[in-house]
Amino acid sequence: MVRVATYFVLVFAGLLLPLGAVLHAAVFGPPPYVLVGTEPAPAWFSERRSPEDGRVLVHRYNSADEARAAARRLADSIPKSFTQTTADSVRYRHRESGRAGLILPLSEFVVHLTAPDADLLETHFESLDFIAENPQANWLWVATTQHMQATVAAGIAYLVLYGVFMCRGAAWAARIAPERGTFRLSADALRKQLLEINELDVPFRIQEGPKGRLLAQWQVADARWSNLYQSGSLQHVRHLQLELDARARKVRVIETARSMQTGRGPFSFVLRFAWSRGVGFSGLEAGRLVGLKHDLQRGWILQEAYRYSFDAYELKAPLIQATTASGWTWQPVLTFFRPLGG
């Protein structure tokens, strides 16, 4: 249980910590630009044009919060074919004219700059005399504007490593090792012992599969019902693939489950199918189907069609016990590919 708890703590930390760092930088980090002086010169509050057809207009508001809200409204009102939003600033391309634009809330002001293309936009923006880069750089702004390709590559690499960790970490957390000093059977002896389960009156069978693997299957639920309005069936099957690794003395296990429900009414037919594959730490499942039926004397009646419940771990328990008692490790995995599955 300690390993399982540790695994889930690390899984959530791997998601929440990077996301929290990004959100903190976006919300509480320093702005990328600061105002030079107390406010722009009065001439900037009417539209100004450059020889290259760059256009700048500054709007004044009562507070910084009001300016940010106004910048969002302005950005929403413009038809755009491309948008990039970073730290309250919005870079865009106008859908109809094709002009590049920048909307930047700055203190209690909003700067709206447009140009024929993105290069001229940046050139014109750098020429504005009332805006300067913040000496306290926001790392999120720097990463997403100056090092976008490296940032994307780092994000992809992190997601790949996180996926590998989830696969191998789940295998580590779900591993069940034998007690120390347990006599180890050979692979052939363990295989024979597992196949002998077929001689017992149990709700599953083990068969020889491809590549020397064993296949165990449970018919967990198979219920049928009928009443005045509908009839149908429910089938729930759990399936295990067991690979005996003689060198590591491990039984690697891939667990899958599938369920299919059918139902028929006077005007409809229902078919539901579900499939899952994963490392099961616990497996208590239950299901119940109820419906309404009208009786002339008692009125509407809530009538149960069927119910079922089972503990998936208890279903696997005989195989786990046979494996560990033979000196082998029970090793659930997501894939038999060793770099990912372990």
Protein backbone atom coordinates (compact mmCIF):
# COMPACT_ATOMS: atom_id res chain seq x y z
CA MET A 1 0.00 0.00 0.00
CA VAL A 2 2.91 2.37 0.66
CA ARG A 3 4.16 1.92 -2.89
CA VAL A 4 0.67 2.45 -4.32
CA ALA A 5 0.20 5.64 -2.30
CA THR A 6 3.66 6.87 -3.29
CA TYR A 7 2.93 6.20 -6.95
CA PHE A 8 -0.33 8.17 -6.96
CA VAL A 9 1.27 11.07 -5.08
CA LEU A 10 4.01 11.25 -7.72
CA VAL A 11 1.50 10.94 -10.58
CA PHE A 12 -0.55 13.88 -9.33
CA ALA A 13 2.57 15.88 -8.45
CA GLY A 14 3.90 15.35 -11.96
CA LEU A 15 0.76 16.95 -13.33
CA LEU A 16 -0.02 19.63 -10.76
CA LEU A 17 3.45 21.05 -10.12
CA PRO A 18 4.28 22.03 -13.73
CA LEU A 19 0.73 23.27 -14.30
CA GLY A 20 0.82 25.23 -11.06
CA ALA A 21 4.15 26.80 -12.01
CA VAL A 22 2.78 27.90 -15.39
CA LEU A 23 -0.41 29.32 -13.86
CA HIS A 24 1.55 31.12 -11.15
CA ALA A 25 3.85 32.72 -13.73
CA ALA A 26 0.90 33.68 -15.92
CA VAL A 27 -1.17 35.22 -13.09
CA PHE A 28 1.38 36.51 -10.58
CA GLY A 29 4.56 36.82 -12.66
CA PRO A 30 5.95 40.23 -13.62
CA PRO A 31 4.52 41.76 -16.81
CA PRO A 32 6.77 41.50 -19.88
CA TYR A 33 6.71 45.26 -20.52
CA VAL A 34 6.59 48.35 -18.34
CA LEU A 35 5.55 51.93 -18.97
CA VAL A 36 8.30 54.49 -19.49
CA GLY A 37 7.42 57.55 -17.44
CA THR A 38 4.01 58.16 -15.94
CA GLU A 39 1.96 57.85 -19.13
CA PRO A 40 2.26 58.02 -22.95
CA ALA A 41 2.45 61.41 -24.62
CA PRO A 42 -0.98 62.91 -25.52
CA ALA A 43 -0.34 62.33 -29.23
CA TRP A 44 -0.57 58.53 -28.76
CA PHE A 45 -4.24 58.72 -27.70
CA SER A 46 -5.26 59.38 -31.29
CA GLU A 47 -4.36 56.95 -34.03
CA ARG A 48 -0.86 57.43 -35.40
CA ARG A 49 0.47 55.89 -38.62
CA SER A 50 4.00 55.11 -39.71
CA PRO A 51 5.28 55.31 -43.30
CA GLU A 52 5.01 51.50 -43.51
CA ASP A 53 1.29 51.71 -42.58
CA GLY A 54 1.79 50.74 -38.97
CA ARG A 55 -1.03 52.03 -36.78
CA VAL A 56 -1.00 52.67 -33.02
CA LEU A 57 -3.79 53.75 -30.71
CA VAL A 58 -3.65 54.00 -26.91
CA HIS A 59 -6.78 53.86 -24.70
CA ARG A 60 -6.84 55.08 -21.10
CA TYR A 61 -8.93 53.41 -18.35
CA ASN A 62 -9.50 53.98 -14.66
CA SER A 63 -7.46 51.03 -13.41
CA ALA A 64 -5.19 48.20 -14.54
CA ASP A 65 -7.98 45.64 -14.01
CA GLU A 66 -10.34 47.69 -16.17
CA ALA A 67 -7.64 47.93 -18.85
CA ARG A 68 -7.13 44.15 -18.89
CA ALA A 69 -10.87 43.58 -19.18
CA ALA A 70 -11.09 46.08 -22.03
CA ALA A 71 -8.18 44.38 -23.81
CA ARG A 72 -9.99 41.02 -23.63
CA ARG A 73 -13.17 42.57 -25.02
CA LEU A 74 -11.23 44.19 -27.85
CA ALA A 75 -9.52 40.93 -28.72
CA ASP A 76 -12.84 39.05 -28.72
CA SER A 77 -14.40 41.60 -31.08
CA ILE A 78 -11.78 41.19 -33.82
CA PRO A 79 -12.23 38.40 -36.43
CA LYS A 80 -8.96 36.47 -36.32
CA SER A 81 -7.35 33.70 -38.34
CA PHE A 82 -4.45 33.34 -35.87
CA THR A 83 -4.15 34.17 -32.16
CA GLN A 84 -1.33 33.93 -29.64
CA THR A 85 -2.07 34.97 -26.06
CA THR A 86 0.74 35.31 -23.52
CA ALA A 87 0.67 37.19 -20.21
CA ASP A 88 -2.43 39.27 -21.13
CA SER A 89 -0.98 40.34 -24.50
CA VAL A 90 -2.66 39.12 -27.70
CA ARG A 91 -0.95 38.80 -31.05
CA TYR A 92 -3.27 38.06 -33.95
CA ARG A 93 -3.79 38.09 -37.69
CA HIS A 94 -6.96 39.72 -38.96
CA ARG A 95 -9.13 37.22 -40.80
CA GLU A 96 -10.26 39.63 -43.54
CA SER A 97 -7.43 42.12 -44.05
CA GLY A 98 -4.55 39.81 -43.12
CA ARG A 99 -2.94 42.53 -41.00
CA ALA A 100 -0.93 41.53 -37.95
CA GLY A 101 -2.00 43.02 -34.63
CA LEU A 102 -0.96 43.35 -31.01
CA ILE A 103 -3.19 44.20 -28.04
CA LEU A 104 -1.21 44.97 -24.89
CA PRO A 105 -2.65 46.10 -21.54
CA LEU A 106 -0.05 48.25 -19.82
CA SER A 107 -0.91 49.59 -16.38
CA GLU A 108 -4.20 51.49 -16.89
CA PHE A 109 -3.64 51.75 -20.67
CA VAL A 110 -4.31 49.46 -23.61
CA VAL A 111 -2.01 49.67 -26.62
CA HIS A 112 -3.46 48.49 -29.94
CA LEU A 113 -0.89 48.18 -32.70
CA THR A 114 -1.40 46.85 -36.26
CA ALA A 115 0.88 46.46 -39.29
CA PRO A 116 0.78 44.81 -42.72
CA ASP A 117 2.76 41.77 -41.48
CA ALA A 118 4.29 40.32 -38.32
CA ASP A 119 7.84 41.55 -39.01
CA LEU A 120 6.71 45.15 -39.48
CA LEU A 121 4.56 44.81 -36.37
CA GLU A 122 7.58 43.88 -34.25
CA THR A 123 9.70 46.63 -35.79
CA HIS A 124 7.02 49.23 -35.15
CA PHE A 125 6.42 47.96 -31.62
CA GLU A 126 10.12 48.25 -30.74
CA SER A 127 10.08 51.88 -31.89
CA LEU A 128 7.44 52.95 -29.36
CA ASP A 129 9.11 55.33 -26.93
CA PHE A 130 6.78 54.81 -23.98
CA ILE A 131 7.22 51.01 -23.64
CA ALA A 132 10.27 49.11 -22.37
CA GLU A 133 10.98 45.49 -21.54
CA ASN A 134 10.62 44.65 -17.87
CA PRO A 135 14.08 44.10 -16.32
CA GLN A 136 12.45 41.44 -14.13
CA ALA A 137 11.73 39.00 -16.93
CA ASN A 138 8.80 36.60 -16.67
CA TRP A 139 10.22 33.14 -17.50
CA LEU A 140 6.92 32.05 -19.08
CA TRP A 141 6.95 35.05 -21.41
CA VAL A 142 10.57 34.44 -22.38
CA ALA A 143 9.94 30.73 -22.99
CA THR A 144 6.86 31.23 -25.15
CA THR A 145 8.07 34.19 -27.18
CA GLN A 146 11.85 33.97 -27.49
CA HIS A 147 12.32 30.19 -27.22
CA MET A 148 9.05 28.75 -28.51
CA GLN A 149 10.58 25.80 -30.40
CA ALA A 150 12.72 24.79 -27.44
CA THR A 151 9.72 25.15 -25.13
CA VAL A 152 7.56 22.90 -27.33
CA ALA A 153 10.37 20.34 -27.57
CA ALA A 154 10.82 20.38 -23.78
CA GLY A 155 7.07 19.96 -23.28
CA ILE A 156 6.94 16.96 -25.62
CA ALA A 157 9.99 15.40 -23.93
CA TYR A 158 8.37 15.87 -20.52
CA LEU A 159 5.13 14.22 -21.65
CA VAL A 160 7.07 11.25 -23.06
CA LEU A 161 9.03 10.84 -19.82
CA TYR A 162 5.84 11.23 -17.80
CA GLY A 163 4.17 8.50 -19.87
CA VAL A 164 7.14 6.17 -19.32
CA PHE A 165 7.01 6.92 -15.60
CA MET A 166 3.29 6.15 -15.43
CA CYS A 167 3.81 2.78 -17.15
CA ARG A 168 6.86 1.69 -15.18
CA GLY A 169 5.69 3.30 -11.95
CA ALA A 170 2.36 1.45 -12.09
CA ALA A 171 4.24 -1.82 -12.58
CA TRP A 172 6.47 -1.02 -9.62
CA ALA A 173 3.53 -0.10 -7.38
CA ALA A 174 1.46 -3.19 -8.26
CA ARG A 175 4.32 -5.69 -7.98
CA ILE A 176 3.79 -8.56 -5.52
CA ALA A 177 7.00 -10.33 -4.58
CA PRO A 178 7.33 -13.72 -2.86
CA GLU A 179 8.47 -13.98 0.72
CA ARG A 180 12.17 -14.29 1.26
CA GLY A 181 13.45 -17.85 1.30
CA THR A 182 10.56 -19.22 -0.79
CA PHE A 183 11.68 -22.15 -2.94
CA ARG A 184 11.59 -21.23 -6.62
CA LEU A 185 9.95 -23.58 -9.05
CA SER A 186 11.13 -23.81 -12.62
CA ALA A 187 9.16 -22.09 -15.37
CA ASP A 188 7.82 -25.42 -16.63
CA ALA A 189 6.72 -26.45 -13.14
CA LEU A 190 4.93 -23.15 -12.55
CA ARG A 191 3.25 -23.35 -15.96
CA LYS A 192 2.02 -26.86 -15.18
CA GLN A 193 0.76 -25.75 -11.77
CA LEU A 194 -1.19 -22.83 -13.24
CA LEU A 195 -2.76 -25.03 -15.92
CA GLU A 196 -3.93 -27.48 -13.23
CA ILE A 197 -6.43 -24.80 -12.16
CA ASN A 198 -8.54 -25.96 -15.11
CA GLU A 199 -9.28 -29.17 -13.19
CA LEU A 200 -11.06 -27.22 -10.44
CA ASP A 201 -14.64 -25.96 -10.43
CA VAL A 202 -13.83 -22.26 -10.76
CA PRO A 203 -15.36 -19.55 -13.01
CA PHE A 204 -12.30 -19.18 -15.25
CA ARG A 205 -10.04 -21.19 -17.53
CA ILE A 206 -6.37 -20.94 -18.44
CA GLN A 207 -5.22 -21.78 -21.94
CA GLU A 208 -1.94 -21.88 -23.81
CA GLY A 209 -1.53 -18.75 -25.89
CA PRO A 210 0.85 -17.44 -28.53
CA LYS A 211 4.55 -16.84 -27.76
CA GLY A 212 4.39 -19.25 -24.83
CA ARG A 213 2.01 -17.04 -22.85
CA LEU A 214 -0.96 -18.20 -20.79
CA LEU A 215 -4.44 -16.77 -21.22
CA ALA A 216 -6.86 -16.67 -18.28
CA GLN A 217 -10.46 -15.58 -18.75
CA TRP A 218 -13.32 -14.96 -16.33
CA GLN A 219 -16.98 -14.79 -17.30
CA VAL A 220 -17.77 -12.39 -14.47
CA ALA A 221 -21.41 -11.67 -15.18
CA ASP A 222 -23.90 -13.12 -17.58
CA ALA A 223 -27.40 -12.05 -16.57
CA ARG A 224 -30.59 -12.20 -18.65
CA TRP A 225 -33.90 -10.63 -17.92
CA SER A 226 -37.23 -9.92 -19.49
CA ASN A 227 -40.38 -8.04 -18.62
CA LEU A 228 -43.29 -6.40 -20.37
CA TYR A 229 -41.22 -3.68 -22.02
CA GLN A 230 -37.70 -4.92 -22.69
CA SER A 231 -35.31 -7.82 -22.66
CA GLY A 232 -31.57 -8.02 -22.96
CA SER A 233 -28.32 -9.39 -21.60
CA LEU A 234 -25.18 -8.26 -19.82
CA GLN A 235 -21.78 -9.89 -20.22
CA HIS A 236 -18.65 -8.84 -18.36
CA VAL A 237 -15.37 -10.59 -19.19
CA ARG A 238 -11.94 -10.12 -17.61
CA HIS A 239 -8.91 -11.40 -19.44
CA LEU A 240 -5.31 -11.91 -18.29
CA GLN A 241 -2.24 -12.54 -20.41
CA LEU A 242 0.59 -14.13 -18.42
CA GLU A 243 4.18 -14.14 -19.64
CA LEU A 244 6.62 -16.27 -17.62
CA ASP A 245 10.08 -14.66 -17.53
CA ALA A 246 12.40 -17.46 -16.37
CA ARG A 247 15.46 -15.18 -16.12
CA ALA A 248 13.83 -12.57 -13.84
CA ARG A 249 11.51 -15.10 -12.14
CA LYS A 250 8.55 -12.85 -12.89
CA VAL A 251 5.06 -13.50 -14.20
CA ARG A 252 4.27 -10.40 -16.24
CA VAL A 253 0.53 -9.81 -16.49
CA ILE A 254 -1.58 -7.65 -18.79
CA GLU A 255 -5.17 -7.28 -17.60
CA THR A 256 -8.05 -6.30 -19.85
CA ALA A 257 -11.78 -6.11 -19.27
CA ARG A 258 -14.68 -5.80 -21.62
CA SER A 259 -18.42 -5.61 -21.10
CA MET A 260 -21.35 -5.69 -23.48
CA GLN A 261 -24.95 -4.86 -22.69
CA THR A 262 -27.90 -5.30 -24.99
CA GLY A 263 -31.49 -4.29 -24.46
CA ARG A 264 -34.63 -4.24 -26.49
CA GLY A 265 -37.74 -2.10 -26.07
CA PRO A 266 -40.89 -1.62 -28.11
CA PHE A 267 -39.30 1.10 -30.25
CA SER A 268 -35.56 0.81 -29.68
CA PHE A 269 -32.54 -1.43 -29.35
CA VAL A 270 -29.64 -0.64 -27.03
CA LEU A 271 -26.07 -1.87 -27.48
CA ARG A 272 -23.28 -0.73 -25.17
CA PHE A 273 -19.68 -1.92 -25.30
CA ALA A 274 -16.75 -1.01 -23.05
CA TRP A 275 -13.10 -2.06 -23.09
CA SER A 276 -10.29 -1.23 -20.71
CA ARG A 277 -6.68 -2.17 -20.13
CA GLY A 278 -4.55 -1.23 -17.19
CA VAL A 279 -2.82 -2.11 -13.96
CA GLY A 280 -5.46 -2.93 -11.37
CA PHE A 281 -4.67 -1.99 -7.79
CA SER A 282 -8.16 -2.91 -6.59
CA GLY A 283 -11.25 -3.98 -8.43
CA LEU A 284 -14.54 -3.75 -6.62
CA GLU A 285 -17.29 -3.34 -9.20
CA ALA A 286 -21.05 -3.44 -8.98
CA GLY A 287 -23.94 -2.86 -11.31
CA ARG A 288 -27.71 -2.63 -11.09
CA LEU A 289 -30.44 -2.07 -13.63
CA VAL A 290 -33.90 -0.87 -12.63
CA GLY A 291 -36.88 0.33 -14.58
CA LEU A 292 -40.42 1.60 -14.18
CA LYS A 293 -43.45 -0.59 -14.62
CA HIS A 294 -47.07 0.49 -14.30
CA ASP A 295 -49.56 -1.64 -12.38
CA LEU A 296 -53.29 -0.85 -12.46
CA GLN A 297 -53.66 -1.38 -8.70
CA ARG A 298 -50.29 -0.17 -7.34
CA GLY A 299 -49.43 2.47 -9.95
CA TRP A 300 -45.83 2.99 -10.97
CA ILE A 301 -43.42 0.40 -9.56
CA LEU A 302 -39.64 0.57 -9.50
CA GLN A 303 -38.67 -2.89 -10.71
CA GLU A 304 -35.16 -4.33 -10.59
CA ALA A 305 -33.98 -6.13 -13.71
CA TYR A 306 -30.63 -7.40 -12.45
CA ARG A 307 -27.64 -6.62 -10.24
CA TYR A 308 -24.12 -7.93 -9.94
CA SER A 309 -20.98 -7.26 -7.94
CA PHE A 310 -17.53 -8.74 -7.78
CA ASP A 311 -14.02 -8.02 -6.54
CA ALA A 312 -11.53 -8.32 -9.39
CA TYR A 313 -8.65 -8.81 -6.96
CA GLU A 314 -10.33 -11.85 -5.43
CA LEU A 315 -10.68 -13.32 -8.90
CA LYS A 316 -6.93 -12.99 -9.43
CA ALA A 317 -6.00 -14.07 -5.92
CA PRO A 318 -5.54 -17.81 -6.71
CA LEU A 319 -3.14 -17.00 -9.56
CA ILE A 320 -1.23 -14.48 -7.42
CA GLN A 321 -0.98 -16.95 -4.54
CA ALA A 322 0.21 -19.75 -6.82
CA THR A 323 2.82 -17.46 -8.37
CA THR A 324 4.31 -16.05 -5.17
CA ALA A 325 4.18 -19.42 -3.38
CA SER A 326 6.34 -20.76 -6.21
CA GLY A 327 9.02 -18.13 -5.56
CA TRP A 328 8.05 -15.93 -8.51
CA THR A 329 7.04 -12.24 -8.59
CA TRP A 330 3.58 -11.26 -9.81
CA GLN A 331 4.24 -8.28 -12.08
CA PRO A 332 1.26 -6.42 -13.62
CA VAL A 333 2.29 -4.35 -16.66
CA LEU A 334 0.64 -2.21 -19.32
CA THR A 335 2.73 -3.70 -22.13
CA PHE A 336 5.17 -6.59 -22.59
CA PHE A 337 7.61 -4.10 -24.20
CA ARG A 338 10.24 -4.08 -21.44
CA PRO A 339 11.38 -0.40 -21.62
CA LEU A 340 7.79 0.66 -20.88
CA GLY A 341 6.34 -2.32 -19.03
CA GLY A 342 9.30 -3.10 -16.79
